[in-house]
N, C-alpha and C. Protein backbone atom coordinates (compact mmCIF):
# COMPACT_ATOMS: atom_id res chain seq x y z
N MET A 1 110.03 83.88 125.97
CA MET A 1 109.19 83.20 126.94
C MET A 1 107.74 83.43 126.58
N ASN A 2 106.98 82.38 126.44
CA ASN A 2 105.58 82.48 126.05
C ASN A 2 104.70 82.70 127.26
N LYS A 3 104.09 83.89 127.34
CA LYS A 3 103.19 84.21 128.44
C LYS A 3 101.74 83.99 128.07
N LEU A 4 101.49 83.55 126.85
CA LEU A 4 100.12 83.34 126.39
C LEU A 4 99.54 82.14 127.13
N ILE A 5 98.61 82.42 128.03
CA ILE A 5 97.99 81.37 128.83
C ILE A 5 96.63 81.07 128.23
N GLY A 6 96.35 79.79 127.99
CA GLY A 6 95.06 79.44 127.42
C GLY A 6 95.04 79.64 125.93
N LYS A 7 93.85 79.66 125.39
CA LYS A 7 93.73 79.75 123.94
C LYS A 7 93.65 81.20 123.46
N ILE A 8 93.88 81.38 122.18
CA ILE A 8 93.73 82.70 121.56
C ILE A 8 92.25 82.93 121.34
N ASP A 9 91.74 84.03 121.92
CA ASP A 9 90.33 84.33 121.74
C ASP A 9 90.09 85.73 121.18
N GLN A 10 91.20 86.45 120.89
CA GLN A 10 91.11 87.77 120.28
C GLN A 10 92.23 87.95 119.28
N ILE A 11 91.96 88.74 118.25
CA ILE A 11 93.02 89.12 117.31
C ILE A 11 93.16 90.64 117.39
N MET A 12 94.37 91.08 117.66
CA MET A 12 94.64 92.50 117.73
C MET A 12 95.34 92.88 116.43
N THR A 13 94.80 93.86 115.75
CA THR A 13 95.39 94.36 114.51
C THR A 13 95.97 95.74 114.82
N ALA A 14 97.27 95.90 114.61
CA ALA A 14 97.95 97.16 114.91
C ALA A 14 98.62 97.68 113.64
N VAL A 15 98.27 98.89 113.24
CA VAL A 15 98.91 99.54 112.10
C VAL A 15 99.92 100.52 112.68
N ILE A 16 101.20 100.30 112.33
CA ILE A 16 102.27 101.12 112.90
C ILE A 16 103.20 101.60 111.80
N GLN A 17 103.96 102.66 112.09
CA GLN A 17 104.92 103.17 111.12
C GLN A 17 106.09 102.22 110.99
N GLU A 18 106.66 102.18 109.80
CA GLU A 18 107.79 101.28 109.51
C GLU A 18 108.96 101.52 110.46
N GLN A 19 109.17 102.77 110.90
CA GLN A 19 110.29 103.08 111.80
C GLN A 19 110.16 102.37 113.15
N ASP A 20 108.93 102.03 113.55
CA ASP A 20 108.70 101.43 114.87
C ASP A 20 108.57 99.91 114.83
N VAL A 21 108.56 99.31 113.66
CA VAL A 21 108.20 97.89 113.57
C VAL A 21 109.21 96.96 114.23
N ASP A 22 110.50 97.20 114.08
CA ASP A 22 111.49 96.29 114.68
C ASP A 22 111.41 96.31 116.21
N LEU A 23 111.35 97.49 116.79
CA LEU A 23 111.24 97.62 118.24
C LEU A 23 109.95 96.97 118.75
N THR A 24 108.87 97.16 118.01
CA THR A 24 107.58 96.60 118.40
C THR A 24 107.60 95.07 118.36
N ILE A 25 108.15 94.51 117.30
CA ILE A 25 108.20 93.05 117.19
C ILE A 25 109.08 92.45 118.29
N LYS A 26 110.17 93.13 118.64
CA LYS A 26 111.01 92.65 119.75
C LYS A 26 110.25 92.68 121.07
N ALA A 27 109.51 93.76 121.31
CA ALA A 27 108.74 93.90 122.56
C ALA A 27 107.65 92.83 122.64
N LEU A 28 106.96 92.60 121.53
CA LEU A 28 105.91 91.57 121.51
C LEU A 28 106.50 90.17 121.57
N GLY A 29 107.70 89.99 121.02
CA GLY A 29 108.37 88.69 121.09
C GLY A 29 108.70 88.31 122.52
N LYS A 30 109.02 89.29 123.37
CA LYS A 30 109.30 89.01 124.78
C LYS A 30 108.06 88.50 125.50
N ILE A 31 106.90 88.94 125.05
CA ILE A 31 105.64 88.48 125.65
C ILE A 31 105.32 87.08 125.16
N GLY A 32 105.74 86.77 123.94
CA GLY A 32 105.52 85.43 123.40
C GLY A 32 104.22 85.25 122.65
N VAL A 33 103.69 86.34 122.11
CA VAL A 33 102.44 86.23 121.35
C VAL A 33 102.75 85.95 119.88
N PRO A 34 101.88 85.21 119.20
CA PRO A 34 102.09 84.99 117.76
C PRO A 34 101.79 86.27 116.98
N ILE A 35 102.66 86.59 116.01
CA ILE A 35 102.54 87.82 115.22
C ILE A 35 102.67 87.48 113.75
N THR A 36 101.82 88.08 112.94
CA THR A 36 101.97 88.05 111.49
C THR A 36 102.10 89.49 111.03
N ARG A 37 103.11 89.77 110.21
CA ARG A 37 103.40 91.14 109.74
C ARG A 37 103.08 91.25 108.26
N LEU A 38 102.35 92.30 107.91
CA LEU A 38 102.07 92.61 106.51
C LEU A 38 102.54 94.04 106.22
N ALA A 39 103.17 94.23 105.09
CA ALA A 39 103.54 95.58 104.67
C ALA A 39 102.27 96.30 104.21
N SER A 40 102.16 97.58 104.56
CA SER A 40 100.99 98.36 104.16
C SER A 40 101.43 99.80 103.94
N ALA A 41 100.52 100.61 103.42
CA ALA A 41 100.81 102.02 103.18
C ALA A 41 99.64 102.86 103.64
N GLY A 42 99.96 104.02 104.20
CA GLY A 42 98.91 104.93 104.66
C GLY A 42 98.21 105.58 103.48
N GLY A 43 96.93 105.83 103.64
CA GLY A 43 96.15 106.43 102.56
C GLY A 43 96.37 107.93 102.41
N PHE A 44 96.47 108.65 103.53
CA PHE A 44 96.57 110.11 103.48
C PHE A 44 97.94 110.57 103.02
N LEU A 45 98.99 110.10 103.64
CA LEU A 45 100.35 110.53 103.31
C LEU A 45 101.10 109.53 102.44
N GLY A 46 100.56 108.34 102.29
CA GLY A 46 101.22 107.32 101.48
C GLY A 46 102.50 106.78 102.09
N ARG A 47 102.66 106.95 103.40
CA ARG A 47 103.86 106.47 104.08
C ARG A 47 103.83 104.96 104.26
N ARG A 48 105.02 104.35 104.37
CA ARG A 48 105.11 102.90 104.60
C ARG A 48 104.74 102.59 106.04
N ASN A 49 103.92 101.58 106.19
CA ASN A 49 103.49 101.10 107.50
C ASN A 49 103.66 99.59 107.54
N SER A 50 103.43 99.03 108.70
CA SER A 50 103.28 97.59 108.84
C SER A 50 101.99 97.35 109.60
N THR A 51 101.27 96.33 109.18
CA THR A 51 100.07 95.90 109.90
C THR A 51 100.42 94.60 110.58
N LEU A 52 100.27 94.57 111.89
CA LEU A 52 100.58 93.38 112.68
C LEU A 52 99.28 92.73 113.12
N PHE A 53 99.17 91.42 112.91
CA PHE A 53 98.07 90.63 113.44
C PHE A 53 98.64 89.88 114.64
N ILE A 54 98.08 90.12 115.81
CA ILE A 54 98.62 89.59 117.05
C ILE A 54 97.55 88.74 117.73
N GLY A 55 97.87 87.47 117.97
CA GLY A 55 96.94 86.59 118.65
C GLY A 55 97.06 86.74 120.15
N ILE A 56 95.95 87.06 120.83
CA ILE A 56 95.99 87.29 122.28
C ILE A 56 94.79 86.64 122.95
N ASN A 57 94.80 86.70 124.28
CA ASN A 57 93.61 86.43 125.06
C ASN A 57 93.48 87.54 126.09
N GLU A 58 92.38 87.57 126.79
CA GLU A 58 92.09 88.67 127.71
C GLU A 58 93.14 88.82 128.80
N GLN A 59 93.79 87.74 129.19
CA GLN A 59 94.75 87.78 130.29
C GLN A 59 96.01 88.58 129.96
N ILE A 60 96.37 88.67 128.69
CA ILE A 60 97.59 89.41 128.33
C ILE A 60 97.31 90.66 127.51
N ARG A 61 96.04 90.99 127.34
CA ARG A 61 95.67 92.13 126.49
C ARG A 61 96.35 93.42 126.93
N GLU A 62 96.28 93.75 128.21
CA GLU A 62 96.86 95.01 128.70
C GLU A 62 98.38 95.03 128.53
N GLU A 63 99.03 93.90 128.70
CA GLU A 63 100.48 93.83 128.52
C GLU A 63 100.87 94.09 127.07
N VAL A 64 100.07 93.57 126.13
CA VAL A 64 100.33 93.80 124.70
C VAL A 64 100.09 95.27 124.35
N VAL A 65 99.02 95.85 124.87
CA VAL A 65 98.74 97.28 124.62
C VAL A 65 99.87 98.14 125.17
N LEU A 66 100.35 97.82 126.36
CA LEU A 66 101.45 98.57 126.95
C LEU A 66 102.72 98.46 126.10
N ALA A 67 103.01 97.27 125.58
CA ALA A 67 104.17 97.09 124.70
C ALA A 67 104.04 97.93 123.43
N LEU A 68 102.83 97.99 122.87
CA LEU A 68 102.59 98.83 121.69
C LEU A 68 102.77 100.31 122.02
N GLN A 69 102.23 100.73 123.16
CA GLN A 69 102.35 102.14 123.55
C GLN A 69 103.80 102.55 123.76
N ASN A 70 104.60 101.64 124.31
CA ASN A 70 106.01 101.96 124.60
C ASN A 70 106.91 101.91 123.37
N SER A 71 106.48 101.24 122.31
CA SER A 71 107.36 101.10 121.16
C SER A 71 106.89 101.85 119.91
N CYS A 72 105.69 102.37 119.90
CA CYS A 72 105.16 103.11 118.75
C CYS A 72 105.02 104.58 119.12
N HIS A 73 105.77 105.43 118.45
CA HIS A 73 105.84 106.84 118.83
C HIS A 73 105.30 107.75 117.74
N GLN A 74 104.65 108.83 118.18
CA GLN A 74 104.21 109.85 117.22
C GLN A 74 105.36 110.79 116.93
N ARG A 75 105.37 111.31 115.70
CA ARG A 75 106.40 112.24 115.26
C ARG A 75 105.75 113.38 114.49
N VAL A 76 106.43 114.49 114.42
CA VAL A 76 105.96 115.60 113.59
C VAL A 76 106.83 115.63 112.34
N GLU A 77 106.19 115.51 111.18
CA GLU A 77 106.87 115.63 109.90
C GLU A 77 106.29 116.83 109.18
N TYR A 78 107.05 117.34 108.24
CA TYR A 78 106.60 118.52 107.50
C TYR A 78 106.26 118.13 106.07
N LEU A 79 105.08 118.49 105.67
CA LEU A 79 104.56 118.19 104.34
C LEU A 79 104.58 119.48 103.54
N ALA A 80 105.21 119.47 102.36
CA ALA A 80 105.29 120.67 101.52
C ALA A 80 104.03 120.79 100.67
N ILE A 81 103.27 121.86 100.92
CA ILE A 81 102.04 122.12 100.17
C ILE A 81 102.18 123.46 99.48
N PRO A 82 101.99 123.50 98.14
CA PRO A 82 102.10 124.79 97.44
C PRO A 82 100.96 125.74 97.85
N LEU A 83 101.30 127.02 97.99
CA LEU A 83 100.30 128.03 98.32
C LEU A 83 99.45 128.35 97.10
N GLU A 84 98.15 128.38 97.28
CA GLU A 84 97.26 128.73 96.17
C GLU A 84 97.34 130.23 95.90
N GLY A 85 97.38 130.59 94.66
CA GLY A 85 97.40 131.99 94.28
C GLY A 85 98.75 132.65 94.42
N SER A 86 99.76 131.89 94.76
CA SER A 86 101.10 132.45 94.91
C SER A 86 101.73 132.63 93.54
N PRO A 87 102.40 133.78 93.28
CA PRO A 87 103.03 133.99 91.97
C PRO A 87 104.20 133.03 91.74
N MET A 88 104.83 132.55 92.80
CA MET A 88 105.92 131.59 92.67
C MET A 88 105.48 130.28 93.34
N PRO A 89 105.76 129.16 92.70
CA PRO A 89 105.33 127.88 93.28
C PRO A 89 106.21 127.43 94.45
N MET A 90 106.24 128.25 95.49
CA MET A 90 107.04 127.94 96.68
C MET A 90 106.18 127.13 97.65
N PRO A 91 106.56 125.89 97.90
CA PRO A 91 105.77 125.10 98.85
C PRO A 91 105.96 125.58 100.28
N THR A 92 104.89 125.56 101.04
CA THR A 92 104.92 125.93 102.44
C THR A 92 104.92 124.67 103.29
N PRO A 93 105.91 124.51 104.17
CA PRO A 93 105.93 123.31 105.01
C PRO A 93 104.83 123.38 106.08
N ILE A 94 104.02 122.34 106.13
CA ILE A 94 102.93 122.24 107.10
C ILE A 94 103.25 121.08 108.05
N PRO A 95 103.25 121.33 109.36
CA PRO A 95 103.53 120.23 110.30
C PRO A 95 102.35 119.25 110.35
N VAL A 96 102.68 117.95 110.30
CA VAL A 96 101.68 116.89 110.36
C VAL A 96 102.16 115.87 111.39
N THR A 97 101.30 115.51 112.33
CA THR A 97 101.65 114.49 113.32
C THR A 97 101.38 113.12 112.73
N VAL A 98 102.39 112.26 112.71
CA VAL A 98 102.26 110.91 112.17
C VAL A 98 102.76 109.91 113.21
N GLY A 99 102.45 108.68 113.00
CA GLY A 99 102.99 107.64 113.85
C GLY A 99 102.04 107.19 114.94
N GLY A 100 102.63 106.60 115.95
CA GLY A 100 101.83 105.97 116.98
C GLY A 100 101.31 104.65 116.45
N ALA A 101 100.21 104.20 116.95
CA ALA A 101 99.62 102.95 116.50
C ALA A 101 98.11 103.10 116.43
N THR A 102 97.52 102.46 115.46
CA THR A 102 96.07 102.34 115.39
C THR A 102 95.78 100.87 115.64
N VAL A 103 95.01 100.59 116.69
CA VAL A 103 94.81 99.21 117.15
C VAL A 103 93.33 98.86 117.15
N PHE A 104 93.03 97.70 116.59
CA PHE A 104 91.68 97.14 116.61
C PHE A 104 91.78 95.77 117.28
N THR A 105 90.85 95.47 118.17
CA THR A 105 90.81 94.16 118.80
C THR A 105 89.46 93.52 118.49
N LEU A 106 89.51 92.32 117.93
CA LEU A 106 88.30 91.63 117.51
C LEU A 106 88.25 90.24 118.13
N PRO A 107 87.04 89.75 118.43
CA PRO A 107 86.94 88.39 118.99
C PRO A 107 87.24 87.34 117.91
N VAL A 108 87.76 86.20 118.38
CA VAL A 108 88.07 85.07 117.49
C VAL A 108 87.17 83.91 117.91
N ASP A 109 86.35 83.43 116.99
CA ASP A 109 85.49 82.29 117.28
C ASP A 109 86.24 80.97 117.18
N LYS A 110 87.15 80.90 116.21
CA LYS A 110 87.87 79.66 115.98
C LYS A 110 89.30 79.98 115.58
N TYR A 111 90.25 79.23 116.09
CA TYR A 111 91.66 79.43 115.79
C TYR A 111 92.27 78.07 115.51
N GLU A 112 92.92 77.94 114.38
CA GLU A 112 93.61 76.70 114.02
C GLU A 112 95.03 77.02 113.64
N GLU A 113 95.94 76.15 114.01
CA GLU A 113 97.34 76.30 113.65
C GLU A 113 97.85 74.94 113.19
N PHE A 114 98.39 74.90 111.97
CA PHE A 114 98.94 73.64 111.46
C PHE A 114 100.05 73.91 110.51
């Protein structure tokens, strides 16, 4: 069901972990917003992500943010880092919080679909 009322006047860009992408697309599909998905990778950990471009307007912005919050979760993963100066190269697991969503919302001056 398309809840998008009026024209698209904002583009929301959401970078999410690959584990959350299917649930997120289903949640956004229920709202009826147009979505474009691009595969991407994180710079720090090199993990697989997806970048979603979501066409919205101010009337449904909060509903889209709520859908993202409910479907994108943070997780703790352990990254093996070798100890400096250690006589044996035994990596020490360091907890790192990953996941959730990074969201940017930008105004759209012109939108065309053909």
